Amino acid sequence: MKESPKGLRGLKGWLQVDLSHLSPEERWRVEHARMHAKHRGHEAMHAEMVLILIATLVVAQLLLVQWKQRHPRSYNMVTLFQMWVVPLYFTIKLYWWRFLVIWVLFSAVTAFVTFRATRKPLVQTTPRLVYKWFLLIYKISYATGIVGYMAVMFTLFGLNLLFRIKPEDAMDFGISLLFYGLYYGVLERDFAEMCADYMASTIGFYSASGMPTKHLSDSVCAVCGQQILVDVNEEGIIENTYRLSCNHVFHEFCIRGWCIVGKKQTCPYCKEKVDLKRMFSNPWERPHVMYGQLLDWLRYLVAWQPVIIGLVQGINYILGLE
């Protein structure tokens, strides 16, 4: 059934009414009614847009999985670049200056650490510097995410009222901390993985594909290339030594940094799979493993979801859908 020209003119005139004299609640109702009036009769077009969205998500996911399996190095580099740059665009567009300041500080220090990790020959102290920096960011992001999650839960249960904090302020605080923790947690793990690959390949006891270029001695750590001074059964003053199930021995700090910070779950020398449950027998340390897996899952949402949504909007624009 078609609207009469007179009815359409009346509807357009009603849509252009000045809302400045209305209360916020009345203004919301009028704007809500405007939206329904604007989209009246567009049900078929909306259904088509939903089908385009679902099809694009499925196809994009399949392509990303194939890309990751066939060319993991280029996939990781492109994903890392998007993780680093995409939030910067929204930060500048929405004037989030606090995030921009933290982003610049993190980027400056990480760029210096990455520069040190990619130099040849590798300075002896560089592996420790790299793992210490990224382990620090990992712990800060982990703690920030936990605090943010707790703030959100407290707000949902109304506990913020005990401290006389407005629900919207408490929720904004919790979501902001949760975003900071998850975003920098994902970013530091990707940079750490890249640096771990470069350093291990430079030292020579590790090769991403093929055989290592050096023979590993029992008294040398394959992660940092330095001497192991403490026996596995001895208690070290500064650091302990850890032996994997493949019988290769490493500094405990190095192998933990390799597995958790650098996202490697294989022996740096023989590539045998590392039993993380055995390595992290302390129940207080196991959440770090689960948190790392959560960050890997969230990488898709942060890096590729905005690109896919932009692609869907482009398709809708080409087809004349609004």
C-alpha atoms as a PDB file:
ATOM      1  CA  MET A   1       0.000   0.000   0.000  1.00  0.00           C
ATOM      2  CA  LYS A   2       1.488   3.353  -1.080  1.00  0.00           C
ATOM      3  CA  GLU A   3       1.489   6.523   0.969  1.00  0.00           C
ATOM      4  CA  SER A   4      -0.360   9.476  -0.580  1.00  0.00           C
ATOM      5  CA  PRO A   5       1.752  12.513  -1.589  1.00  0.00           C
ATOM      6  CA  LYS A   6       0.017  14.533   1.075  1.00  0.00           C
ATOM      7  CA  GLY A   7       0.809  11.921   3.703  1.00  0.00           C
ATOM      8  CA  LEU A   8       4.450  11.828   2.646  1.00  0.00           C
ATOM      9  CA  ARG A   9       4.737  15.612   2.841  1.00  0.00           C
ATOM     10  CA  GLY A  10       3.216  15.521   6.288  1.00  0.00           C
ATOM     11  CA  LEU A  11       5.621  12.789   7.372  1.00  0.00           C
ATOM     12  CA  LYS A  12       8.624  14.742   6.077  1.00  0.00           C
ATOM     13  CA  GLY A  13       7.404  17.853   7.830  1.00  0.00           C
ATOM     14  CA  TRP A  14       7.000  15.936  11.076  1.00  0.00           C
ATOM     15  CA  LEU A  15      10.529  14.522  10.714  1.00  0.00           C
ATOM     16  CA  GLN A  16      11.931  18.057  10.528  1.00  0.00           C
ATOM     17  CA  VAL A  17      10.298  19.324  13.750  1.00  0.00           C
ATOM     18  CA  ASP A  18      12.598  21.199  16.107  1.00  0.00           C
ATOM     19  CA  LEU A  19      13.380  19.036  19.153  1.00  0.00           C
ATOM     20  CA  SER A  20      15.267  21.600  21.235  1.00  0.00           C
ATOM     21  CA  HIS A  21      12.290  22.285  23.539  1.00  0.00           C
ATOM     22  CA  LEU A  22      11.717  18.589  24.376  1.00  0.00           C
ATOM     23  CA  SER A  23      13.090  16.676  27.334  1.00  0.00           C
ATOM     24  CA  PRO A  24      15.809  14.046  26.709  1.00  0.00           C
ATOM     25  CA  GLU A  25      13.286  11.219  27.083  1.00  0.00           C
ATOM     26  CA  GLU A  26      10.799  12.833  24.693  1.00  0.00           C
ATOM     27  CA  ARG A  27      13.593  13.589  22.226  1.00  0.00           C
ATOM     28  CA  TRP A  28      14.660   9.934  22.292  1.00  0.00           C
ATOM     29  CA  ARG A  29      11.092   8.802  21.582  1.00  0.00           C
ATOM     30  CA  VAL A  30      10.748  11.194  18.653  1.00  0.00           C
ATOM     31  CA  GLU A  31      14.108  10.138  17.187  1.00  0.00           C
ATOM     32  CA  HIS A  32      13.145   6.476  17.631  1.00  0.00           C
ATOM     33  CA  ALA A  33       9.870   7.111  15.791  1.00  0.00           C
ATOM     34  CA  ARG A  34      11.788   8.954  13.066  1.00  0.00           C
ATOM     35  CA  MET A  35      14.018   5.965  12.524  1.00  0.00           C
ATOM     36  CA  HIS A  36      11.044   3.619  12.154  1.00  0.00           C
ATOM     37  CA  ALA A  37       9.325   6.027   9.777  1.00  0.00           C
ATOM     38  CA  LYS A  38      12.458   6.373   7.678  1.00  0.00           C
ATOM     39  CA  HIS A  39      12.916   2.606   7.297  1.00  0.00           C
ATOM     40  CA  ARG A  40       9.233   1.738   6.816  1.00  0.00           C
ATOM     41  CA  GLY A  41       8.763  -0.615   3.866  1.00  0.00           C
ATOM     42  CA  HIS A  42      12.471  -1.542   3.670  1.00  0.00           C
ATOM     43  CA  GLU A  43      12.159  -5.036   5.191  1.00  0.00           C
ATOM     44  CA  ALA A  44      13.285  -6.807   1.994  1.00  0.00           C
ATOM     45  CA  MET A  45      16.324  -4.544   1.682  1.00  0.00           C
ATOM     46  CA  HIS A  46      17.267  -5.156   5.323  1.00  0.00           C
ATOM     47  CA  ALA A  47      17.008  -8.913   4.803  1.00  0.00           C
ATOM     48  CA  GLU A  48      19.310  -8.622   1.798  1.00  0.00           C
ATOM     49  CA  MET A  49      21.832  -6.638   3.838  1.00  0.00           C
ATOM     50  CA  VAL A  50      21.812  -9.291   6.572  1.00  0.00           C
ATOM     51  CA  LEU A  51      22.465 -12.035   3.992  1.00  0.00           C
ATOM     52  CA  ILE A  52      25.365 -10.019   2.562  1.00  0.00           C
ATOM     53  CA  LEU A  53      26.821  -9.615   6.065  1.00  0.00           C
ATOM     54  CA  ILE A  54      26.581 -13.345   6.860  1.00  0.00           C
ATOM     55  CA  ALA A  55      28.010 -14.389   3.486  1.00  0.00           C
ATOM     56  CA  THR A  56      30.906 -11.931   3.793  1.00  0.00           C
ATOM     57  CA  LEU A  57      31.736 -13.119   7.318  1.00  0.00           C
ATOM     58  CA  VAL A  58      31.784 -16.785   6.238  1.00  0.00           C
ATOM     59  CA  VAL A  59      33.847 -16.197   3.097  1.00  0.00           C
ATOM     60  CA  ALA A  60      36.284 -13.872   4.899  1.00  0.00           C
ATOM     61  CA  GLN A  61      36.783 -16.407   7.697  1.00  0.00           C
ATOM     62  CA  LEU A  62      37.536 -19.188   5.209  1.00  0.00           C
ATOM     63  CA  LEU A  63      40.006 -17.008   3.306  1.00  0.00           C
ATOM     64  CA  LEU A  64      41.758 -15.925   6.508  1.00  0.00           C
ATOM     65  CA  VAL A  65      42.104 -19.530   7.699  1.00  0.00           C
ATOM     66  CA  GLN A  66      43.579 -20.597   4.352  1.00  0.00           C
ATOM     67  CA  TRP A  67      45.939 -17.621   4.324  1.00  0.00           C
ATOM     68  CA  LYS A  68      47.121 -18.369   7.863  1.00  0.00           C
ATOM     69  CA  GLN A  69      47.751 -22.047   7.047  1.00  0.00           C
ATOM     70  CA  ARG A  70      49.518 -21.481   3.717  1.00  0.00           C
ATOM     71  CA  HIS A  71      51.435 -18.262   4.428  1.00  0.00           C
ATOM     72  CA  PRO A  72      51.618 -17.786   8.216  1.00  0.00           C
ATOM     73  CA  ARG A  73      54.482 -15.293   8.122  1.00  0.00           C
ATOM     74  CA  SER A  74      52.736 -12.782   5.830  1.00  0.00           C
ATOM     75  CA  TYR A  75      49.446 -13.320   7.682  1.00  0.00           C
ATOM     76  CA  ASN A  76      51.060 -12.551  11.039  1.00  0.00           C
ATOM     77  CA  MET A  77      52.825  -9.456   9.697  1.00  0.00           C
ATOM     78  CA  VAL A  78      49.666  -8.015   8.124  1.00  0.00           C
ATOM     79  CA  THR A  79      47.629  -8.815  11.236  1.00  0.00           C
ATOM     80  CA  LEU A  80      50.216  -7.164  13.474  1.00  0.00           C
ATOM     81  CA  PHE A  81      50.259  -4.049  11.278  1.00  0.00           C
ATOM     82  CA  GLN A  82      46.465  -3.806  11.420  1.00  0.00           C
ATOM     83  CA  MET A  83      46.426  -4.388  15.181  1.00  0.00           C
ATOM     84  CA  TRP A  84      48.877  -1.532  15.532  1.00  0.00           C
ATOM     85  CA  VAL A  85      47.341   0.981  13.092  1.00  0.00           C
ATOM     86  CA  VAL A  86      43.541   0.441  13.016  1.00  0.00           C
ATOM     87  CA  PRO A  87      42.919   1.618  16.619  1.00  0.00           C
ATOM     88  CA  LEU A  88      45.104   4.659  15.903  1.00  0.00           C
ATOM     89  CA  TYR A  89      42.661   5.766  13.193  1.00  0.00           C
ATOM     90  CA  PHE A  90      39.666   5.601  15.550  1.00  0.00           C
ATOM     91  CA  THR A  91      41.693   7.244  18.328  1.00  0.00           C
ATOM     92  CA  ILE A  92      42.433  10.315  16.233  1.00  0.00           C
ATOM     93  CA  LYS A  93      38.926  10.401  14.772  1.00  0.00           C
ATOM     94  CA  LEU A  94      37.232  10.211  18.204  1.00  0.00           C
ATOM     95  CA  TYR A  95      39.812  12.358  20.070  1.00  0.00           C
ATOM     96  CA  TRP A  96      40.843   9.682  22.553  1.00  0.00           C
ATOM     97  CA  TRP A  97      44.016  11.520  23.592  1.00  0.00           C
ATOM     98  CA  ARG A  98      44.741   9.395  26.660  1.00  0.00           C
ATOM     99  CA  PHE A  99      44.851   6.248  24.533  1.00  0.00           C
ATOM    100  CA  LEU A 100      46.994   8.062  21.962  1.00  0.00           C
ATOM    101  CA  VAL A 101      49.594   9.044  24.592  1.00  0.00           C
ATOM    102  CA  ILE A 102      49.829   5.473  25.903  1.00  0.00           C
ATOM    103  CA  TRP A 103      49.978   4.145  22.335  1.00  0.00           C
ATOM    104  CA  VAL A 104      52.874   6.473  21.459  1.00  0.00           C
ATOM    105  CA  LEU A 105      54.855   5.518  24.611  1.00  0.00           C
ATOM    106  CA  PHE A 106      54.298   1.805  24.022  1.00  0.00           C
ATOM    107  CA  SER A 107      55.201   2.111  20.341  1.00  0.00           C
ATOM    108  CA  ALA A 108      58.410   4.041  21.075  1.00  0.00           C
ATOM    109  CA  VAL A 109      59.758   1.521  23.604  1.00  0.00           C
ATOM    110  CA  THR A 110      58.595  -1.479  21.557  1.00  0.00           C
ATOM    111  CA  ALA A 111      60.222  -0.057  18.420  1.00  0.00           C
ATOM    112  CA  PHE A 112      63.537   0.249  20.299  1.00  0.00           C
ATOM    113  CA  VAL A 113      63.270  -3.302  21.671  1.00  0.00           C
ATOM    114  CA  THR A 114      62.331  -4.676  18.247  1.00  0.00           C
ATOM    115  CA  PHE A 115      65.272  -2.824  16.682  1.00  0.00           C
ATOM    116  CA  ARG A 116      67.637  -4.435  19.197  1.00  0.00           C
ATOM    117  CA  ALA A 117      66.121  -7.882  18.572  1.00  0.00           C
ATOM    118  CA  THR A 118      66.625  -7.692  14.796  1.00  0.00           C
ATOM    119  CA  ARG A 119      70.303  -6.612  14.843  1.00  0.00           C
ATOM    120  CA  LYS A 120      73.070  -8.900  13.622  1.00  0.00           C
ATOM    121  CA  PRO A 121      75.208  -9.898  15.420  1.00  0.00           C
ATOM    122  CA  LEU A 122      72.899 -10.089  18.424  1.00  0.00           C
ATOM    123  CA  VAL A 123      74.112  -8.461  21.633  1.00  0.00           C
ATOM    124  CA  GLN A 124      74.256 -10.964  24.520  1.00  0.00           C
ATOM    125  CA  THR A 125      71.919  -8.941  26.751  1.00  0.00           C
ATOM    126  CA  THR A 126      69.246  -8.435  24.071  1.00  0.00           C
ATOM    127  CA  PRO A 127      67.175 -11.644  24.609  1.00  0.00           C
ATOM    128  CA  ARG A 128      66.800 -10.837  28.309  1.00  0.00           C
ATOM    129  CA  LEU A 129      65.863  -7.246  27.508  1.00  0.00           C
ATOM    130  CA  VAL A 130      63.233  -8.350  24.986  1.00  0.00           C
ATOM    131  CA  TYR A 131      61.588 -10.930  27.238  1.00  0.00           C
ATOM    132  CA  LYS A 132      61.674  -8.646  30.280  1.00  0.00           C
ATOM    133  CA  TRP A 133      59.938  -5.824  28.407  1.00  0.00           C
ATOM    134  CA  PHE A 134      57.231  -7.970  26.856  1.00  0.00           C
ATOM    135  CA  LEU A 135      56.746  -9.964  30.061  1.00  0.00           C
ATOM    136  CA  LEU A 136      56.237  -6.666  31.920  1.00  0.00           C
ATOM    137  CA  ILE A 137      53.619  -5.525  29.389  1.00  0.00           C
ATOM    138  CA  TYR A 138      52.006  -8.955  29.539  1.00  0.00           C
ATOM    139  CA  LYS A 139      51.640  -8.792  33.330  1.00  0.00           C
ATOM    140  CA  ILE A 140      50.356  -5.198  33.251  1.00  0.00           C
ATOM    141  CA  SER A 141      47.803  -6.018  30.552  1.00  0.00           C
ATOM    142  CA  TYR A 142      46.731  -9.122  32.459  1.00  0.00           C
ATOM    143  CA  ALA A 143      46.203  -7.175  35.699  1.00  0.00           C
ATOM    144  CA  THR A 144      44.458  -4.318  33.855  1.00  0.00           C
ATOM    145  CA  GLY A 145      42.078  -6.708  32.120  1.00  0.00           C
ATOM    146  CA  ILE A 146      41.227  -8.455  35.397  1.00  0.00           C
ATOM    147  CA  VAL A 147      40.505  -5.132  37.157  1.00  0.00           C
ATOM    148  CA  GLY A 148      38.374  -3.979  34.223  1.00  0.00           C
ATOM    149  CA  TYR A 149      36.408  -7.239  34.199  1.00  0.00           C
ATOM    150  CA  MET A 150      35.805  -6.992  37.960  1.00  0.00           C
ATOM    151  CA  ALA A 151      34.638  -3.371  37.595  1.00  0.00           C
ATOM    152  CA  VAL A 152      32.132  -4.420  34.920  1.00  0.00           C
ATOM    153  CA  MET A 153      30.845  -7.299  37.075  1.00  0.00           C
ATOM    154  CA  PHE A 154      30.544  -5.071  40.156  1.00  0.00           C
ATOM    155  CA  THR A 155      28.547  -2.573  38.125  1.00  0.00           C
ATOM    156  CA  LEU A 156      26.210  -5.253  36.778  1.00  0.00           C
ATOM    157  CA  PHE A 157      25.539  -6.435  40.359  1.00  0.00           C
ATOM    158  CA  GLY A 158      25.027  -2.857  41.573  1.00  0.00           C
ATOM    159  CA  LEU A 159      28.009  -2.862  43.952  1.00  0.00           C
ATOM    160  CA  ASN A 160      29.146   0.508  42.550  1.00  0.00           C
ATOM    161  CA  LEU A 161      26.319   2.137  44.516  1.00  0.00           C
ATOM    162  CA  LEU A 162      28.128   1.241  47.748  1.00  0.00           C
ATOM    163  CA  PHE A 163      30.852   3.690  46.723  1.00  0.00           C
ATOM    164  CA  ARG A 164      28.347   6.242  45.365  1.00  0.00           C
ATOM    165  CA  ILE A 165      29.634   5.842  41.812  1.00  0.00           C
ATOM    166  CA  LYS A 166      27.224   6.351  38.929  1.00  0.00           C
ATOM    167  CA  PRO A 167      26.566   3.171  36.910  1.00  0.00           C
ATOM    168  CA  GLU A 168      27.588   4.808  33.608  1.00  0.00           C
ATOM    169  CA  ASP A 169      30.882   6.034  35.123  1.00  0.00           C
ATOM    170  CA  ALA A 170      31.668   2.638  36.655  1.00  0.00           C
ATOM    171  CA  MET A 171      30.830   0.820  33.418  1.00  0.00           C
ATOM    172  CA  ASP A 172      32.935   3.212  31.322  1.00  0.00           C
ATOM    173  CA  PHE A 173      35.853   2.711  33.724  1.00  0.00           C
ATOM    174  CA  GLY A 174      35.584  -1.082  33.580  1.00  0.00           C
ATOM    175  CA  ILE A 175      35.181  -1.306  29.802  1.00  0.00           C
ATOM    176  CA  SER A 176      38.102   1.091  29.255  1.00  0.00           C
ATOM    177  CA  LEU A 177      40.432  -0.975  31.462  1.00  0.00           C
ATOM    178  CA  LEU A 178      39.244  -4.187  29.831  1.00  0.00           C
ATOM    179  CA  PHE A 179      39.955  -2.770  26.375  1.00  0.00           C
ATOM    180  CA  TYR A 180      43.414  -1.498  27.384  1.00  0.00           C
ATOM    181  CA  GLY A 181      44.337  -4.866  28.884  1.00  0.00           C
ATOM    182  CA  LEU A 182      43.144  -6.963  25.961  1.00  0.00           C
ATOM    183  CA  TYR A 183      44.459  -4.681  23.222  1.00  0.00           C
ATOM    184  CA  TYR A 184      47.999  -4.277  24.558  1.00  0.00           C
ATOM    185  CA  GLY A 185      48.020  -7.935  25.611  1.00  0.00           C
ATOM    186  CA  VAL A 186      47.380  -9.000  22.002  1.00  0.00           C
ATOM    187  CA  LEU A 187      49.815  -6.454  20.587  1.00  0.00           C
ATOM    188  CA  GLU A 188      52.734  -7.343  22.856  1.00  0.00           C
ATOM    189  CA  ARG A 189      52.355 -11.062  22.172  1.00  0.00           C
ATOM    190  CA  ASP A 190      52.535 -10.504  18.424  1.00  0.00           C
ATOM    191  CA  PHE A 191      55.611  -8.285  18.705  1.00  0.00           C
ATOM    192  CA  ALA A 192      57.189 -10.760  21.135  1.00  0.00           C
ATOM    193  CA  GLU A 193      56.616 -13.663  18.735  1.00  0.00           C
ATOM    194  CA  MET A 194      58.258 -11.736  15.907  1.00  0.00           C
ATOM    195  CA  CYS A 195      61.248 -10.774  18.068  1.00  0.00           C
ATOM    196  CA  ALA A 196      61.596 -14.341  19.376  1.00  0.00           C
ATOM    197  CA  ASP A 197      61.800 -15.671  15.806  1.00  0.00           C
ATOM    198  CA  TYR A 198      64.434 -13.118  14.799  1.00  0.00           C
ATOM    199  CA  MET A 199      66.606 -13.640  17.881  1.00  0.00           C
ATOM    200  CA  ALA A 200      66.460 -17.441  17.837  1.00  0.00           C
ATOM    201  CA  SER A 201      67.256 -17.534  14.118  1.00  0.00           C
ATOM    202  CA  THR A 202      70.171 -15.139  14.605  1.00  0.00           C
ATOM    203  CA  ILE A 203      71.601 -17.198  17.481  1.00  0.00           C
ATOM    204  CA  GLY A 204      71.429 -20.228  15.180  1.00  0.00           C
ATOM    205  CA  PHE A 205      69.928 -22.937  17.393  1.00  0.00           C
ATOM    206  CA  TYR A 206      66.450 -22.414  15.944  1.00  0.00           C
ATOM    207  CA  SER A 207      65.036 -22.320  12.443  1.00  0.00           C
ATOM    208  CA  ALA A 208      61.357 -21.782  11.669  1.00  0.00           C
ATOM    209  CA  SER A 209      61.658 -24.289   8.825  1.00  0.00           C
ATOM    210  CA  GLY A 210      64.487 -26.750   8.359  1.00  0.00           C
ATOM    211  CA  MET A 211      67.446 -27.694  10.550  1.00  0.00           C
ATOM    212  CA  PRO A 212      69.283 -25.360  12.977  1.00  0.00           C
ATOM    213  CA  THR A 213      72.574 -23.934  11.760  1.00  0.00           C
ATOM    214  CA  LYS A 214      74.389 -24.732  15.034  1.00  0.00           C
ATOM    215  CA  HIS A 215      74.779 -27.813  17.228  1.00  0.00           C
ATOM    216  CA  LEU A 216      73.392 -27.287  20.736  1.00  0.00           C
ATOM    217  CA  SER A 217      75.700 -28.055  23.638  1.00  0.00           C
ATOM    218  CA  ASP A 218      74.308 -29.303  26.959  1.00  0.00           C
ATOM    219  CA  SER A 219      75.703 -26.228  28.702  1.00  0.00           C
ATOM    220  CA  VAL A 220      74.146 -23.622  26.368  1.00  0.00           C
ATOM    221  CA  CYS A 221      70.602 -22.221  26.372  1.00  0.00           C
ATOM    222  CA  ALA A 222      69.160 -22.311  22.842  1.00  0.00           C
ATOM    223  CA  VAL A 223      66.918 -19.295  23.521  1.00  0.00           C
ATOM    224  CA  CYS A 224      69.554 -16.748  24.552  1.00  0.00           C
ATOM    225  CA  GLY A 225      72.755 -18.559  23.488  1.00  0.00           C
ATOM    226  CA  GLN A 226      74.386 -18.076  26.908  1.00  0.00           C
ATOM    227  CA  GLN A 227      76.002 -20.602  29.226  1.00  0.00           C
ATOM    228  CA  ILE A 228      73.897 -22.540  31.729  1.00  0.00           C
ATOM    229  CA  LEU A 229      75.642 -22.281  35.091  1.00  0.00           C
ATOM    230  CA  VAL A 230      73.147 -24.093  37.325  1.00  0.00           C
ATOM    231  CA  ASP A 231      72.306 -27.786  37.060  1.00  0.00           C
ATOM    232  CA  VAL A 232      68.680 -28.833  36.666  1.00  0.00           C
ATOM    233  CA  ASN A 233      68.607 -30.438  40.136  1.00  0.00           C
ATOM    234  CA  GLU A 234      70.229 -27.439  41.842  1.00  0.00           C
ATOM    235  CA  GLU A 235      68.527 -24.373  43.289  1.00  0.00           C
ATOM    236  CA  GLY A 236      69.870 -21.258  41.585  1.00  0.00           C
ATOM    237  CA  ILE A 237      70.466 -17.987  43.424  1.00  0.00           C
ATOM    238  CA  ILE A 238      69.485 -15.769  40.492  1.00  0.00           C
ATOM    239  CA  GLU A 239      67.729 -18.221  38.175  1.00  0.00           C
ATOM    240  CA  ASN A 240      66.888 -21.896  37.925  1.00  0.00           C
ATOM    241  CA  THR A 241      67.379 -24.266  35.000  1.00  0.00           C
ATOM    242  CA  TYR A 242      64.554 -26.157  33.313  1.00  0.00           C
ATOM    243  CA  ARG A 243      64.674 -29.386  31.303  1.00  0.00           C
ATOM    244  CA  LEU A 244      61.999 -30.174  28.718  1.00  0.00           C
ATOM    245  CA  SER A 245      60.666 -33.667  28.008  1.00  0.00           C
ATOM    246  CA  CYS A 246      63.044 -33.831  25.021  1.00  0.00           C
ATOM    247  CA  ASN A 247      65.952 -33.483  27.540  1.00  0.00           C
ATOM    248  CA  HIS A 248      67.104 -30.087  26.228  1.00  0.00           C
ATOM    249  CA  VAL A 249      67.998 -27.673  29.013  1.00  0.00           C
ATOM    250  CA  PHE A 250      67.278 -23.922  29.187  1.00  0.00           C
ATOM    251  CA  HIS A 251      67.303 -21.009  31.575  1.00  0.00           C
ATOM    252  CA  GLU A 252      63.904 -21.077  33.261  1.00  0.00           C
ATOM    253  CA  PHE A 253      63.270 -17.401  32.470  1.00  0.00           C
ATOM    254  CA  CYS A 254      64.177 -17.948  28.803  1.00  0.00           C
ATOM    255  CA  ILE A 255      61.968 -20.983  28.195  1.00  0.00           C
ATOM    256  CA  ARG A 256      59.021 -19.371  29.989  1.00  0.00           C
ATOM    257  CA  GLY A 257      59.455 -16.239  27.900  1.00  0.00           C
ATOM    258  CA  TRP A 258      59.724 -18.376  24.762  1.00  0.00           C
ATOM    259  CA  CYS A 259      56.504 -20.301  25.500  1.00  0.00           C
ATOM    260  CA  ILE A 260      54.254 -17.698  27.130  1.00  0.00           C
ATOM    261  CA  VAL A 261      55.477 -14.339  25.852  1.00  0.00           C
ATOM    262  CA  GLY A 262      56.771 -15.532  22.481  1.00  0.00           C
ATOM    263  CA  LYS A 263      53.800 -17.874  21.884  1.00  0.00           C
ATOM    264  CA  LYS A 264      56.039 -20.850  21.070  1.00  0.00           C
ATOM    265  CA  GLN A 265      54.889 -24.268  22.265  1.00  0.00           C
ATOM    266  CA  THR A 266      57.747 -26.295  20.824  1.00  0.00           C
ATOM    267  CA  CYS A 267      61.339 -26.838  21.869  1.00  0.00           C
ATOM    268  CA  PRO A 268      63.526 -24.062  20.407  1.00  0.00           C
ATOM    269  CA  TYR A 269      66.005 -26.648  19.142  1.00  0.00           C
ATOM    270  CA  CYS A 270      64.244 -29.892  18.157  1.00  0.00           C
ATOM    271  CA  LYS A 271      60.674 -28.510  17.824  1.00  0.00           C
ATOM    272  CA  GLU A 272      59.171 -31.188  20.069  1.00  0.00           C
ATOM    273  CA  LYS A 273      55.883 -29.995  21.592  1.00  0.00           C
ATOM    274  CA  VAL A 274      56.191 -28.500  25.065  1.00  0.00           C
ATOM    275  CA  ASP A 275      53.871 -29.760  27.797  1.00  0.00           C
ATOM    276  CA  LEU A 276      52.645 -26.455  29.221  1.00  0.00           C
ATOM    277  CA  LYS A 277      50.691 -28.165  32.016  1.00  0.00           C
ATOM    278  CA  ARG A 278      53.897 -29.773  33.259  1.00  0.00           C
ATOM    279  CA  MET A 279      55.845 -26.536  32.940  1.00  0.00           C
ATOM    280  CA  PHE A 280      53.209 -24.529  34.803  1.00  0.00           C
ATOM    281  CA  SER A 281      52.320 -27.014  37.522  1.00  0.00           C
ATOM    282  CA  ASN A 282      51.492 -24.174  39.926  1.00  0.00           C
ATOM    283  CA  PRO A 283      47.697 -23.565  39.624  1.00  0.00           C
ATOM    284  CA  TRP A 284      48.268 -19.807  40.067  1.00  0.00           C
ATOM    285  CA  GLU A 285      50.284 -19.757  36.828  1.00  0.00           C
ATOM    286  CA  ARG A 286      47.816 -21.654  34.634  1.00  0.00           C
ATOM    287  CA  PRO A 287      45.490 -18.660  34.116  1.00  0.00           C
ATOM    288  CA  HIS A 288      48.372 -17.008  32.230  1.00  0.00           C
ATOM    289  CA  VAL A 289      48.177 -19.804  29.653  1.00  0.00           C
ATOM    290  CA  MET A 290      44.389 -19.442  29.305  1.00  0.00           C
ATOM    291  CA  TYR A 291      44.731 -15.667  29.108  1.00  0.00           C
ATOM    292  CA  GLY A 292      47.203 -16.042  26.250  1.00  0.00           C
ATOM    293  CA  GLN A 293      44.753 -18.272  24.385  1.00  0.00           C
ATOM    294  CA  LEU A 294      41.996 -15.688  24.926  1.00  0.00           C
ATOM    295  CA  LEU A 295      44.222 -12.977  23.439  1.00  0.00           C
ATOM    296  CA  ASP A 296      44.843 -15.106  20.362  1.00  0.00           C
ATOM    297  CA  TRP A 297      41.089 -15.456  19.846  1.00  0.00           C
ATOM    298  CA  LEU A 298      40.462 -11.718  20.275  1.00  0.00           C
ATOM    299  CA  ARG A 299      43.051 -10.821  17.640  1.00  0.00           C
ATOM    300  CA  TYR A 300      40.523 -11.613  14.919  1.00  0.00           C
ATOM    301  CA  LEU A 301      37.952  -9.219  16.398  1.00  0.00           C
ATOM    302  CA  VAL A 302      40.379  -6.312  16.701  1.00  0.00           C
ATOM    303  CA  ALA A 303      42.387  -6.715  13.502  1.00  0.00           C
ATOM    304  CA  TRP A 304      39.994  -8.137  10.918  1.00  0.00           C
ATOM    305  CA  GLN A 305      36.471  -7.321  12.096  1.00  0.00           C
ATOM    306  CA  PRO A 306      36.697  -3.587  11.164  1.00  0.00           C
ATOM    307  CA  VAL A 307      38.023  -4.550   7.715  1.00  0.00           C
ATOM    308  CA  ILE A 308      35.179  -7.021   7.134  1.00  0.00           C
ATOM    309  CA  ILE A 309      32.544  -4.518   8.301  1.00  0.00           C
ATOM    310  CA  GLY A 310      34.047  -1.902   5.969  1.00  0.00           C
ATOM    311  CA  LEU A 311      33.912  -4.411   3.112  1.00  0.00           C
ATOM    312  CA  VAL A 312      30.229  -5.112   3.844  1.00  0.00           C
ATOM    313  CA  GLN A 313      29.447  -1.395   3.832  1.00  0.00           C
ATOM    314  CA  GLY A 314      31.247  -1.042   0.492  1.00  0.00           C
ATOM    315  CA  ILE A 315      29.180  -3.865  -1.033  1.00  0.00           C
ATOM    316  CA  ASN A 316      25.971  -2.313   0.287  1.00  0.00           C
ATOM    317  CA  TYR A 317      26.971   1.058  -1.177  1.00  0.00           C
ATOM    318  CA  ILE A 318      27.720  -0.447  -4.604  1.00  0.00           C
ATOM    319  CA  LEU A 319      24.356  -2.233  -4.620  1.00  0.00           C
ATOM    320  CA  GLY A 320      22.531   0.920  -3.539  1.00  0.00           C
ATOM    321  CA  LEU A 321      21.467  -0.471  -0.129  1.00  0.00           C
ATOM    322  CA  GLU A 322      21.162   1.800   2.908  1.00  0.00           C
END
